[in-house]
C-alpha atoms as a PDB file:
ATOM      1  CA  MET A   1       0.051   0.244   0.157  1.00  0.00           C
ATOM      2  CA  ARG A   2       1.028   3.471  -0.975  1.00  0.00           C
ATOM      3  CA  ILE A   3      -0.062   6.650   1.178  1.00  0.00           C
ATOM      4  CA  THR A   4      -0.923   9.579  -0.920  1.00  0.00           C
ATOM      5  CA  LYS A   5      -2.651  11.525   2.075  1.00  0.00           C
ATOM      6  CA  ALA A   6      -2.669  11.659   5.583  1.00  0.00           C
ATOM      7  CA  GLU A   7      -4.728  14.360   7.215  1.00  0.00           C
ATOM      8  CA  PHE A   8      -6.500  15.087  10.163  1.00  0.00           C
ATOM      9  CA  VAL A   9      -9.638  14.582  11.121  1.00  0.00           C
ATOM     10  CA  ILE A  10     -11.195  14.567  15.242  1.00  0.00           C
ATOM     11  CA  SER A  11      -8.946  14.983  18.968  1.00  0.00           C
ATOM     12  CA  ASN A  12     -11.308  14.664  21.605  1.00  0.00           C
ATOM     13  CA  THR A  13     -12.232  12.438  25.224  1.00  0.00           C
ATOM     14  CA  ASP A  14     -14.942  10.948  23.865  1.00  0.00           C
ATOM     15  CA  VAL A  15     -15.518   7.707  22.047  1.00  0.00           C
ATOM     16  CA  ARG A  16     -19.256   8.614  20.610  1.00  0.00           C
ATOM     17  CA  LYS A  17     -18.117  11.968  19.579  1.00  0.00           C
ATOM     18  CA  CYS A  18     -15.152   9.499  17.263  1.00  0.00           C
ATOM     19  CA  PRO A  19     -15.830   9.860  12.998  1.00  0.00           C
ATOM     20  CA  LYS A  20     -18.694   7.044  11.865  1.00  0.00           C
ATOM     21  CA  PRO A  21     -17.672   3.922  12.127  1.00  0.00           C
ATOM     22  CA  ASP A  22     -17.492   3.293   8.611  1.00  0.00           C
ATOM     23  CA  LYS A  23     -14.530   3.394   7.268  1.00  0.00           C
ATOM     24  CA  PRO A  24     -11.507  -0.051   9.060  1.00  0.00           C
ATOM     25  CA  GLU A  25     -10.179   1.575  11.859  1.00  0.00           C
ATOM     26  CA  TYR A  26      -6.546   0.882  13.061  1.00  0.00           C
ATOM     27  CA  ALA A  27      -5.473   2.657  16.948  1.00  0.00           C
ATOM     28  CA  PHE A  28      -1.666   3.358  17.730  1.00  0.00           C
ATOM     29  CA  ILE A  29      -0.769   2.331  21.471  1.00  0.00           C
ATOM     30  CA  GLY A  30       2.298   2.168  24.149  1.00  0.00           C
ATOM     31  CA  ARG A  31       3.564   3.120  27.310  1.00  0.00           C
ATOM     32  CA  SER A  32       4.690   7.646  26.814  1.00  0.00           C
ATOM     33  CA  ASN A  33       7.759   7.577  25.301  1.00  0.00           C
ATOM     34  CA  VAL A  34       7.799   3.838  22.987  1.00  0.00           C
ATOM     35  CA  GLY A  35       8.149   5.491  20.033  1.00  0.00           C
ATOM     36  CA  LYS A  36       4.323   6.345  18.598  1.00  0.00           C
ATOM     37  CA  SER A  37       4.553   9.373  17.004  1.00  0.00           C
ATOM     38  CA  SER A  38       7.774   8.489  15.286  1.00  0.00           C
ATOM     39  CA  LEU A  39       6.239   4.975  13.885  1.00  0.00           C
ATOM     40  CA  ILE A  40       3.133   7.061  12.941  1.00  0.00           C
ATOM     41  CA  ASN A  41       5.044   9.634  10.803  1.00  0.00           C
ATOM     42  CA  MET A  42       7.424   6.473   9.492  1.00  0.00           C
ATOM     43  CA  LEU A  43       4.048   4.592   8.028  1.00  0.00           C
ATOM     44  CA  VAL A  44       2.576   8.174   6.937  1.00  0.00           C
ATOM     45  CA  SER A  45       6.036   9.480   5.116  1.00  0.00           C
ATOM     46  CA  ASN A  46       4.613  12.578   6.788  1.00  0.00           C
ATOM     47  CA  SER A  47       7.309  13.443   9.916  1.00  0.00           C
ATOM     48  CA  SER A  48       4.675  16.050  11.161  1.00  0.00           C
ATOM     49  CA  LEU A  49       1.507  14.189  11.372  1.00  0.00           C
ATOM     50  CA  ALA A  50       1.808  13.217  14.172  1.00  0.00           C
ATOM     51  CA  LYS A  51       2.971  15.602  17.721  1.00  0.00           C
ATOM     52  CA  THR A  52       6.471  14.260  18.138  1.00  0.00           C
ATOM     53  CA  SER A  53       7.591  15.039  21.882  1.00  0.00           C
ATOM     54  CA  GLY A  54      11.012  14.045  24.145  1.00  0.00           C
ATOM     55  CA  LYS A  55       8.905  14.787  27.138  1.00  0.00           C
ATOM     56  CA  PRO A  56       6.684  11.195  27.160  1.00  0.00           C
ATOM     57  CA  GLY A  57       2.748  12.287  27.329  1.00  0.00           C
ATOM     58  CA  LYS A  58       2.875  14.102  24.219  1.00  0.00           C
ATOM     59  CA  THR A  59      -0.671  12.787  22.976  1.00  0.00           C
ATOM     60  CA  GLN A  60      -3.571  13.511  25.301  1.00  0.00           C
ATOM     61  CA  LEU A  61      -6.567  12.624  22.918  1.00  0.00           C
ATOM     62  CA  ILE A  62      -8.068  10.287  21.287  1.00  0.00           C
ATOM     63  CA  ASN A  63      -6.304  11.732  17.314  1.00  0.00           C
ATOM     64  CA  HIS A  64      -8.153   9.861  14.113  1.00  0.00           C
ATOM     65  CA  PHE A  65      -6.210  10.641  11.032  1.00  0.00           C
ATOM     66  CA  LEU A  66      -7.750   9.741   7.636  1.00  0.00           C
ATOM     67  CA  ILE A  67      -5.525   7.795   5.441  1.00  0.00           C
ATOM     68  CA  ASN A  68      -6.447   7.784   1.428  1.00  0.00           C
ATOM     69  CA  ASP A  69      -9.377   8.994   1.589  1.00  0.00           C
ATOM     70  CA  ALA A  70     -10.030   4.897   2.757  1.00  0.00           C
ATOM     71  CA  TRP A  71      -8.948   3.794   6.579  1.00  0.00           C
ATOM     72  CA  TYR A  72      -8.965   5.947   9.790  1.00  0.00           C
ATOM     73  CA  LEU A  73      -5.108   6.106  11.679  1.00  0.00           C
ATOM     74  CA  VAL A  74      -5.946   6.765  15.182  1.00  0.00           C
ATOM     75  CA  ASP A  75      -2.876   7.711  17.752  1.00  0.00           C
ATOM     76  CA  LEU A  76      -4.144   7.553  21.463  1.00  0.00           C
ATOM     77  CA  PRO A  77      -2.218   8.895  24.538  1.00  0.00           C
ATOM     78  CA  GLY A  78       0.085   6.786  25.976  1.00  0.00           C
ATOM     79  CA  TYR A  79       0.012   4.152  28.804  1.00  0.00           C
ATOM     80  CA  GLY A  80       2.278   4.048  32.078  1.00  0.00           C
ATOM     81  CA  TYR A  81       5.067   7.103  33.021  1.00  0.00           C
ATOM     82  CA  ALA A  82       4.108  10.069  31.415  1.00  0.00           C
ATOM     83  CA  GLN A  83       4.570  13.432  33.979  1.00  0.00           C
ATOM     84  CA  VAL A  84       0.963  13.956  35.086  1.00  0.00           C
ATOM     85  CA  SER A  85      -0.700  13.635  37.484  1.00  0.00           C
ATOM     86  CA  GLN A  86      -2.640  11.011  39.653  1.00  0.00           C
ATOM     87  CA  LYS A  87      -6.133  12.445  38.536  1.00  0.00           C
ATOM     88  CA  GLN A  88      -5.502  13.096  35.394  1.00  0.00           C
ATOM     89  CA  ARG A  89      -4.227   9.804  34.272  1.00  0.00           C
ATOM     90  CA  LYS A  90      -7.264   8.253  35.671  1.00  0.00           C
ATOM     91  CA  VAL A  91      -9.230   9.597  32.775  1.00  0.00           C
ATOM     92  CA  TRP A  92      -6.644   8.914  30.240  1.00  0.00           C
ATOM     93  CA  SER A  93      -7.191   5.617  31.335  1.00  0.00           C
ATOM     94  CA  GLY A  94     -11.107   5.563  31.147  1.00  0.00           C
ATOM     95  CA  PHE A  95     -11.474   7.298  28.038  1.00  0.00           C
ATOM     96  CA  ILE A  96      -9.003   5.328  26.444  1.00  0.00           C
ATOM     97  CA  LYS A  97     -10.602   1.723  27.963  1.00  0.00           C
ATOM     98  CA  ASN A  98     -14.137   3.264  26.390  1.00  0.00           C
ATOM     99  CA  TYR A  99     -12.711   3.846  22.928  1.00  0.00           C
ATOM    100  CA  ILE A 100     -10.784   0.311  22.686  1.00  0.00           C
ATOM    101  CA  THR A 101     -14.098  -1.785  24.107  1.00  0.00           C
ATOM    102  CA  GLU A 102     -16.560   0.520  22.380  1.00  0.00           C
ATOM    103  CA  ARG A 103     -15.579   1.198  19.210  1.00  0.00           C
ATOM    104  CA  GLU A 104     -16.668  -1.190  16.686  1.00  0.00           C
ATOM    105  CA  ASN A 105     -14.855  -0.437  13.517  1.00  0.00           C
ATOM    106  CA  LEU A 106     -11.702  -0.885  15.488  1.00  0.00           C
ATOM    107  CA  LEU A 107      -9.871  -3.792  12.884  1.00  0.00           C
ATOM    108  CA  ASN A 108      -6.630  -3.975  15.059  1.00  0.00           C
ATOM    109  CA  LEU A 109      -4.489  -1.911  17.470  1.00  0.00           C
ATOM    110  CA  PHE A 110      -1.099  -1.785  17.365  1.00  0.00           C
ATOM    111  CA  LEU A 111       0.116  -1.740  20.870  1.00  0.00           C
ATOM    112  CA  LEU A 112       3.859  -0.837  20.842  1.00  0.00           C
ATOM    113  CA  ILE A 113       7.063  -2.433  22.811  1.00  0.00           C
ATOM    114  CA  ASP A 114      10.242  -0.684  23.228  1.00  0.00           C
ATOM    115  CA  SER A 115      12.451  -3.335  21.714  1.00  0.00           C
ATOM    116  CA  ARG A 116      15.869  -2.406  24.434  1.00  0.00           C
ATOM    117  CA  LEU A 117      13.667  -3.349  27.264  1.00  0.00           C
ATOM    118  CA  GLU A 118      13.375  -6.759  28.994  1.00  0.00           C
ATOM    119  CA  PRO A 119       9.348  -7.684  28.852  1.00  0.00           C
ATOM    120  CA  GLN A 120       7.545  -4.598  31.146  1.00  0.00           C
ATOM    121  CA  ARG A 121       4.570  -6.208  33.570  1.00  0.00           C
ATOM    122  CA  ILE A 122       2.992  -3.447  32.892  1.00  0.00           C
ATOM    123  CA  ASP A 123       2.772  -3.953  28.212  1.00  0.00           C
ATOM    124  CA  ILE A 124       1.711  -7.782  29.112  1.00  0.00           C
ATOM    125  CA  GLU A 125      -0.920  -6.797  31.551  1.00  0.00           C
ATOM    126  CA  PHE A 126      -2.146  -4.544  29.248  1.00  0.00           C
ATOM    127  CA  MET A 127      -2.063  -6.886  26.663  1.00  0.00           C
ATOM    128  CA  GLU A 128      -3.931  -9.470  29.208  1.00  0.00           C
ATOM    129  CA  ASN A 129      -6.671  -7.058  29.425  1.00  0.00           C
ATOM    130  CA  LEU A 130      -7.172  -7.118  25.481  1.00  0.00           C
ATOM    131  CA  GLY A 131      -6.833 -10.978  25.514  1.00  0.00           C
ATOM    132  CA  GLU A 132      -9.374 -11.549  27.935  1.00  0.00           C
ATOM    133  CA  ASN A 133     -11.679  -8.219  26.334  1.00  0.00           C
ATOM    134  CA  GLY A 134     -11.565  -9.717  23.233  1.00  0.00           C
ATOM    135  CA  ILE A 135      -9.792  -6.974  21.385  1.00  0.00           C
ATOM    136  CA  PRO A 136      -7.978  -7.599  18.609  1.00  0.00           C
ATOM    137  CA  PHE A 137      -4.111  -6.114  18.895  1.00  0.00           C
ATOM    138  CA  SER A 138      -0.234  -7.181  17.015  1.00  0.00           C
ATOM    139  CA  MET A 139       2.589  -6.426  19.178  1.00  0.00           C
ATOM    140  CA  VAL A 140       5.145  -3.927  17.900  1.00  0.00           C
ATOM    141  CA  PHE A 141       8.785  -3.622  18.340  1.00  0.00           C
ATOM    142  CA  THR A 142      10.104   0.131  18.186  1.00  0.00           C
ATOM    143  CA  LYS A 143      13.208   1.324  18.067  1.00  0.00           C
ATOM    144  CA  ILE A 144      15.117  -2.175  16.022  1.00  0.00           C
ATOM    145  CA  ASP A 145      18.080   0.386  15.377  1.00  0.00           C
ATOM    146  CA  LYS A 146      19.051   0.868  18.380  1.00  0.00           C
ATOM    147  CA  LEU A 147      20.752  -2.497  19.801  1.00  0.00           C
ATOM    148  CA  SER A 148      22.161  -5.308  17.656  1.00  0.00           C
ATOM    149  CA  GLY A 149      20.556  -8.775  16.011  1.00  0.00           C
ATOM    150  CA  THR A 150      21.669  -9.869  18.505  1.00  0.00           C
ATOM    151  CA  GLU A 151      19.901  -8.567  21.191  1.00  0.00           C
ATOM    152  CA  PHE A 152      16.728  -7.340  19.388  1.00  0.00           C
ATOM    153  CA  ASP A 153      17.165 -11.749  18.798  1.00  0.00           C
ATOM    154  CA  LYS A 154      17.039 -12.139  22.468  1.00  0.00           C
ATOM    155  CA  ASN A 155      14.746  -9.777  23.641  1.00  0.00           C
ATOM    156  CA  ILE A 156      11.926 -10.831  21.240  1.00  0.00           C
ATOM    157  CA  ALA A 157      12.406 -14.693  22.134  1.00  0.00           C
ATOM    158  CA  ALA A 158      12.233 -13.507  26.131  1.00  0.00           C
ATOM    159  CA  TYR A 159       8.864 -11.577  25.003  1.00  0.00           C
ATOM    160  CA  LYS A 160       7.737 -14.810  23.468  1.00  0.00           C
ATOM    161  CA  ARG A 161       8.408 -16.496  26.382  1.00  0.00           C
ATOM    162  CA  LYS A 162       6.600 -14.518  28.862  1.00  0.00           C
ATOM    163  CA  MET A 163       3.430 -14.730  26.604  1.00  0.00           C
ATOM    164  CA  LEU A 164       3.633 -18.245  26.109  1.00  0.00           C
ATOM    165  CA  GLU A 165       3.602 -18.930  29.586  1.00  0.00           C
ATOM    166  CA  THR A 166      -0.513 -17.485  29.499  1.00  0.00           C
ATOM    167  CA  TRP A 167      -1.272 -17.741  25.865  1.00  0.00           C
ATOM    168  CA  ASP A 168      -1.878 -20.520  23.497  1.00  0.00           C
ATOM    169  CA  SER A 169      -1.092 -18.229  20.653  1.00  0.00           C
ATOM    170  CA  LEU A 170       1.136 -15.235  19.842  1.00  0.00           C
ATOM    171  CA  PRO A 171      -0.646 -12.573  18.163  1.00  0.00           C
ATOM    172  CA  PRO A 172       1.278 -10.664  14.135  1.00  0.00           C
ATOM    173  CA  ILE A 173       4.569  -9.491  15.759  1.00  0.00           C
ATOM    174  CA  PHE A 174       6.202  -6.767  14.136  1.00  0.00           C
ATOM    175  CA  SER A 175       9.717  -4.526  14.079  1.00  0.00           C
ATOM    176  CA  THR A 176      10.105  -1.079  13.236  1.00  0.00           C
ATOM    177  CA  SER A 177      12.383   2.076  13.079  1.00  0.00           C
ATOM    178  CA  ALA A 178      10.839   4.808  12.498  1.00  0.00           C
ATOM    179  CA  THR A 179      14.501   6.205  11.204  1.00  0.00           C
ATOM    180  CA  ASN A 180      15.148   3.736   9.127  1.00  0.00           C
ATOM    181  CA  LYS A 181      11.250   2.639   7.599  1.00  0.00           C
ATOM    182  CA  GLN A 182      12.468  -0.960   8.716  1.00  0.00           C
ATOM    183  CA  GLY A 183       8.948  -2.017   9.823  1.00  0.00           C
ATOM    184  CA  GLN A 184       6.540   0.050   7.297  1.00  0.00           C
ATOM    185  CA  ALA A 185       5.974  -1.663   4.598  1.00  0.00           C
ATOM    186  CA  ASP A 186       4.759  -5.047   6.784  1.00  0.00           C
ATOM    187  CA  ILE A 187       2.224  -3.122   8.530  1.00  0.00           C
ATOM    188  CA  LEU A 188       1.331  -1.556   5.693  1.00  0.00           C
ATOM    189  CA  ASN A 189       0.727  -4.892   3.346  1.00  0.00           C
ATOM    190  CA  TYR A 190      -1.225  -5.925   7.029  1.00  0.00           C
ATOM    191  CA  ILE A 191      -3.509  -2.863   7.180  1.00  0.00           C
ATOM    192  CA  GLU A 192      -4.325  -3.436   3.405  1.00  0.00           C
ATOM    193  CA  GLN A 193      -5.586  -7.193   3.913  1.00  0.00           C
ATOM    194  CA  THR A 194      -6.937  -6.487   7.314  1.00  0.00           C
ATOM    195  CA  ASN A 195      -9.106  -3.638   5.476  1.00  0.00           C
ATOM    196  CA  LYS A 196     -10.834  -6.508   3.016  1.00  0.00           C
ATOM    197  CA  LEU A 197     -12.468  -8.014   6.173  1.00  0.00           C
ATOM    198  CA  PHE A 198     -14.545  -4.833   6.851  1.00  0.00           C
END
């Protein structure tokens, strides 16, 4: 798939105010500072579509982008550490949960994971939650250009082992680098194939 058009549609905190669910939709989420905005911008080849920041917690709303006039890409706030109050974090987790569980045209949630780290409890618990709620998701390992092939293989193997302690099978897994566009074609092809099921 080639991205020829990517435009911002709306930001909000209420799933009822999201665009009409008449197109396939894909959301991106991950712990704060996992490189989500950079990955989104890399996918659509537009360095300024999603706001990037060195400071965690930059994305604070459900942000809808219309891609090729055919499907929605959604940038969700990160979870876990961010320099915001406990109260604000509670608000975020409330509307994120509502969006994920109620949005009927959400075909896949791309869960971003920092490939440099060993399995994080917060990510494992988040995925278990998705499984319990029957939410289709994929694991997207980010920043793979920051470590050697051996280190990457070791970290991915550790994640797979951890997941298979509680899962019968693994979700789709993607390896990405926003710096060198690795994984761009794989994710876009996956979206293109999944769109056909809508």
